[in-house]
N, C-alpha and C. Protein backbone atom coordinates (compact mmCIF):
# COMPACT_ATOMS: atom_id res chain seq x y z
N UNK A 1 71.44 211.37 -59.37
CA UNK A 1 71.10 210.98 -60.59
C UNK A 1 69.68 211.88 -60.81
N UNK A 2 70.05 212.79 -62.34
CA UNK A 2 68.72 213.80 -62.86
C UNK A 2 68.24 213.12 -63.95
N UNK A 3 67.31 213.39 -63.78
CA UNK A 3 66.25 213.11 -65.01
C UNK A 3 66.03 213.77 -66.43
N UNK A 4 65.61 213.10 -67.62
CA UNK A 4 65.67 214.45 -68.57
C UNK A 4 64.07 213.68 -68.66
N UNK A 5 63.46 214.52 -69.70
CA UNK A 5 62.67 214.63 -70.70
C UNK A 5 62.67 214.31 -72.16
N UNK A 6 62.43 213.21 -72.32
CA UNK A 6 62.76 213.13 -74.13
C UNK A 6 61.85 212.91 -75.05
N UNK A 7 61.69 213.79 -76.26
CA UNK A 7 60.74 213.33 -76.91
C UNK A 7 61.53 212.63 -78.34
N UNK A 8 61.44 211.33 -78.68
CA UNK A 8 61.99 211.02 -79.73
C UNK A 8 60.71 211.13 -80.82
N UNK A 9 61.18 211.37 -82.08
CA UNK A 9 59.99 211.02 -83.29
C UNK A 9 60.42 209.83 -84.50
N UNK A 10 59.72 209.21 -84.54
CA UNK A 10 59.53 207.98 -85.17
C UNK A 10 59.20 208.31 -86.12
N UNK A 11 59.42 207.86 -88.27
CA UNK A 11 58.90 207.99 -89.19
C UNK A 11 58.76 206.40 -89.06
N UNK A 12 57.40 206.26 -89.85
CA UNK A 12 57.79 205.03 -90.55
C UNK A 12 57.83 205.08 -91.59
N UNK A 13 58.03 204.17 -92.87
CA UNK A 13 58.88 204.14 -93.83
C UNK A 13 57.58 204.13 -94.62
N UNK A 14 56.35 204.30 -94.93
CA UNK A 14 54.79 204.14 -95.59
C UNK A 14 53.86 204.60 -94.97
N UNK A 15 52.59 205.15 -95.45
CA UNK A 15 51.10 205.80 -94.66
C UNK A 15 50.48 204.49 -94.57
N UNK A 16 50.67 203.75 -94.74
CA UNK A 16 49.71 202.07 -94.21
C UNK A 16 50.45 201.42 -93.32
N UNK A 17 51.21 201.79 -92.50
CA UNK A 17 51.97 201.19 -91.38
C UNK A 17 51.10 200.69 -90.47
N UNK A 18 51.72 199.65 -89.71
CA UNK A 18 50.67 199.53 -88.39
C UNK A 18 51.51 199.98 -87.67
N UNK A 19 50.71 201.56 -86.90
CA UNK A 19 51.48 202.53 -86.03
C UNK A 19 51.62 202.01 -84.87
N UNK A 20 50.95 201.16 -84.19
CA UNK A 20 50.33 200.42 -83.07
C UNK A 20 51.35 199.64 -82.92
N UNK A 21 51.64 198.46 -83.66
CA UNK A 21 52.93 197.54 -83.43
C UNK A 21 54.28 198.22 -83.24
N UNK A 22 54.66 199.42 -84.03
CA UNK A 22 56.05 200.04 -83.69
C UNK A 22 56.13 200.77 -82.43
N UNK A 23 54.22 201.11 -81.79
CA UNK A 23 54.66 201.60 -80.74
C UNK A 23 54.82 201.10 -79.57
N UNK A 24 54.26 199.40 -80.08
CA UNK A 24 54.37 198.98 -78.79
C UNK A 24 55.92 198.57 -78.67
N UNK A 25 56.83 198.27 -80.49
CA UNK A 25 57.84 197.60 -80.00
C UNK A 25 58.89 198.95 -79.34
N UNK A 26 58.73 199.53 -79.38
CA UNK A 26 59.28 200.92 -79.32
C UNK A 26 59.31 201.01 -77.59
N UNK A 27 58.13 200.89 -76.78
CA UNK A 27 58.19 201.42 -75.82
C UNK A 27 58.81 200.16 -75.47
N UNK A 28 58.68 198.73 -75.97
CA UNK A 28 59.25 197.74 -75.07
C UNK A 28 60.98 197.76 -75.09
N UNK A 29 61.84 198.33 -76.10
CA UNK A 29 62.82 198.82 -76.27
C UNK A 29 63.31 200.26 -74.97
N UNK A 30 62.31 201.26 -75.26
CA UNK A 30 62.28 202.01 -74.21
C UNK A 30 62.95 201.67 -72.65
N UNK A 31 61.59 200.63 -72.51
CA UNK A 31 61.75 200.30 -70.89
C UNK A 31 62.78 198.92 -70.57
N UNK A 32 63.25 198.93 -71.60
CA UNK A 32 64.52 197.35 -71.63
C UNK A 32 65.46 198.41 -71.40
N UNK A 33 65.38 199.69 -71.32
CA UNK A 33 66.67 201.12 -71.40
C UNK A 33 66.54 201.25 -70.09
N UNK A 34 65.84 201.44 -69.66
CA UNK A 34 65.28 201.75 -67.85
C UNK A 34 64.90 203.33 -68.10
N UNK A 35 63.97 203.21 -69.26
CA UNK A 35 63.03 204.74 -69.70
C UNK A 35 61.94 204.34 -69.07
N UNK A 36 60.70 205.57 -69.26
CA UNK A 36 59.46 204.88 -68.73
C UNK A 36 59.12 206.27 -69.40
N UNK A 37 57.88 205.48 -70.34
CA UNK A 37 57.10 206.25 -71.53
C UNK A 37 55.90 207.13 -70.66
N UNK A 38 56.14 208.45 -71.21
CA UNK A 38 54.95 209.19 -70.52
C UNK A 38 53.90 209.40 -71.49
N UNK A 39 53.88 209.42 -73.06
CA UNK A 39 53.00 209.36 -73.65
C UNK A 39 53.07 208.97 -74.84
N UNK A 40 52.06 208.33 -75.98
CA UNK A 40 52.63 208.57 -77.04
C UNK A 40 51.65 209.29 -78.08
N UNK A 41 51.98 209.84 -79.00
CA UNK A 41 51.19 210.55 -80.00
C UNK A 41 50.87 210.55 -81.21
N UNK A 42 50.30 210.16 -82.34
CA UNK A 42 50.46 210.20 -83.46
C UNK A 42 50.39 211.16 -84.02
N UNK A 43 50.95 212.33 -84.78
CA UNK A 43 51.16 213.22 -85.80
C UNK A 43 51.31 213.22 -87.14
N UNK A 44 50.20 214.26 -87.39
CA UNK A 44 50.20 214.13 -89.27
C UNK A 44 51.35 214.67 -89.27
N UNK A 45 51.89 214.26 -90.81
CA UNK A 45 53.10 215.16 -91.35
C UNK A 45 52.82 215.23 -93.03
N UNK A 46 52.14 214.49 -94.07
CA UNK A 46 51.66 214.61 -94.91
C UNK A 46 51.47 213.49 -95.71
N UNK A 47 50.13 213.63 -96.54
CA UNK A 47 49.88 212.98 -97.52
C UNK A 47 49.26 211.22 -96.67
N UNK A 48 48.85 211.66 -95.55
CA UNK A 48 48.32 210.35 -94.46
C UNK A 48 49.51 209.31 -93.90
N UNK A 49 50.63 210.45 -93.89
CA UNK A 49 51.86 209.95 -93.90
C UNK A 49 51.55 210.57 -92.10
N UNK A 50 51.90 209.45 -90.71
CA UNK A 50 52.25 209.52 -89.48
C UNK A 50 53.38 209.93 -88.73
N UNK A 51 53.60 210.14 -87.53
CA UNK A 51 55.02 210.52 -87.35
C UNK A 51 54.60 209.93 -85.49
N UNK A 52 55.33 208.80 -85.08
CA UNK A 52 55.33 208.35 -83.51
C UNK A 52 55.52 209.62 -82.47
N UNK A 53 55.58 210.24 -81.76
CA UNK A 53 56.00 211.22 -80.68
C UNK A 53 56.05 210.27 -79.33
N UNK A 54 57.18 209.95 -78.84
CA UNK A 54 57.03 209.41 -77.62
C UNK A 54 57.66 209.74 -76.79
N UNK A 55 56.96 210.61 -75.61
CA UNK A 55 58.08 211.37 -74.76
C UNK A 55 58.24 210.55 -73.48
N UNK A 56 59.24 210.21 -72.68
CA UNK A 56 59.96 209.46 -71.89
C UNK A 56 60.70 210.33 -70.89
N UNK A 57 60.78 209.90 -69.79
CA UNK A 57 62.05 210.08 -68.18
C UNK A 57 62.40 208.66 -68.34
N UNK A 58 64.24 209.45 -68.53
CA UNK A 58 65.30 208.46 -68.46
C UNK A 58 66.42 209.56 -67.61
N UNK A 59 67.56 209.04 -66.89
CA UNK A 59 68.79 209.29 -66.54
C UNK A 59 69.29 210.13 -67.68
N UNK A 60 69.41 211.17 -67.67
CA UNK A 60 69.68 212.21 -68.28
C UNK A 60 71.34 211.76 -69.04
N UNK A 61 71.66 211.06 -68.12
CA UNK A 61 73.36 210.24 -69.45
C UNK A 61 73.22 209.21 -69.68
N UNK A 62 71.89 208.73 -70.14
CA UNK A 62 72.06 207.68 -71.17
C UNK A 62 72.29 207.94 -72.46
N UNK A 63 72.93 206.53 -72.51
CA UNK A 63 73.69 207.28 -74.65
C UNK A 63 72.76 206.57 -75.04
N UNK A 64 72.51 207.73 -76.16
CA UNK A 64 70.86 208.28 -77.40
C UNK A 64 71.32 207.05 -78.51
N UNK A 65 72.57 207.17 -79.31
CA UNK A 65 72.30 206.30 -79.95
C UNK A 65 72.47 204.63 -79.62
N UNK A 66 72.37 203.49 -78.78
CA UNK A 66 72.28 203.02 -78.72
C UNK A 66 70.89 202.41 -78.86
N UNK A 67 70.00 203.65 -78.19
CA UNK A 67 68.27 203.47 -78.08
C UNK A 67 67.96 203.60 -79.31
N UNK A 68 68.24 204.73 -80.12
CA UNK A 68 68.33 205.62 -81.46
C UNK A 68 67.97 203.98 -82.12
N UNK A 69 69.68 203.87 -81.82
CA UNK A 69 69.33 202.50 -83.02
C UNK A 69 68.60 200.98 -82.96
N UNK A 70 68.25 200.90 -81.78
CA UNK A 70 67.54 199.77 -81.22
C UNK A 70 66.09 200.09 -81.82
N UNK A 71 65.29 201.33 -82.16
CA UNK A 71 64.38 202.08 -82.38
C UNK A 71 64.27 202.01 -83.87
N UNK A 72 65.67 202.45 -84.44
CA UNK A 72 65.48 202.18 -86.17
C UNK A 72 65.61 201.32 -86.58
N UNK A 73 66.17 200.10 -85.87
CA UNK A 73 65.81 199.07 -86.50
C UNK A 73 64.40 197.55 -86.88
N UNK A 74 63.08 198.90 -86.28
CA UNK A 74 62.10 198.14 -85.90
C UNK A 74 61.18 197.96 -87.41
N UNK A 75 60.80 196.90 -87.65
CA UNK A 75 60.56 196.46 -89.07
C UNK A 75 59.70 198.24 -89.36
N UNK A 76 60.00 198.62 -90.38
CA UNK A 76 59.20 199.62 -91.20
C UNK A 76 59.06 200.88 -90.62
N UNK A 77 60.49 201.01 -89.82
CA UNK A 77 60.56 202.37 -89.30
C UNK A 77 61.78 203.27 -90.20
N UNK A 78 61.50 204.14 -91.27
CA UNK A 78 62.25 204.96 -91.85
C UNK A 78 63.39 205.40 -91.03
N UNK A 79 63.05 206.24 -89.84
CA UNK A 79 63.75 206.71 -88.83
C UNK A 79 63.52 207.25 -87.65
N UNK A 80 64.30 207.55 -86.91
CA UNK A 80 64.02 207.91 -85.06
C UNK A 80 65.09 209.03 -84.87
N UNK A 81 64.18 209.81 -84.31
CA UNK A 81 65.50 210.93 -83.71
C UNK A 81 65.26 211.84 -82.76
N UNK A 82 65.92 211.97 -81.33
CA UNK A 82 65.36 213.02 -80.74
C UNK A 82 65.13 214.15 -81.19
N UNK A 83 63.50 215.25 -80.53
CA UNK A 83 63.57 216.52 -81.42
C UNK A 83 63.62 217.37 -79.93
N UNK A 84 63.20 216.77 -78.67
CA UNK A 84 63.57 217.74 -77.04
C UNK A 84 64.25 217.12 -76.24
N UNK A 85 64.74 216.92 -75.23
CA UNK A 85 66.13 216.93 -74.35
C UNK A 85 65.67 218.05 -73.49
N UNK A 86 65.07 217.56 -72.21
CA UNK A 86 64.81 218.83 -70.93
C UNK A 86 65.34 217.77 -69.85
N UNK A 87 65.88 218.59 -69.34
CA UNK A 87 66.46 218.37 -67.71
C UNK A 87 64.86 218.36 -66.77
N UNK A 88 64.77 217.37 -65.84
CA UNK A 88 63.18 217.51 -65.33
C UNK A 88 63.95 216.97 -63.49
N UNK A 89 65.23 216.78 -63.59
CA UNK A 89 65.08 216.57 -61.79
C UNK A 89 66.77 217.19 -61.83
N UNK A 90 66.86 216.97 -60.05
CA UNK A 90 68.24 217.92 -60.00
C UNK A 90 68.96 216.97 -59.07
């Protein structure tokens, strides 16, 4: 089983959204899908809007769509997409 390092960008739907709540829910979803969160960062986008960047490790053969769909269903989330995917194990 090989692992992958994956970065996911989560965009909230407004600048005044509680990013901590989104981070907590996304972390729970990732853990339930057998992923391990390595880091969570906030990245300024524009006009006070910040994206959440989550770096995680997970089996490289994980199903991306169910994970991203679950994150997109978090309240106040506009979008979620994988921005980096790298194999880290052999």
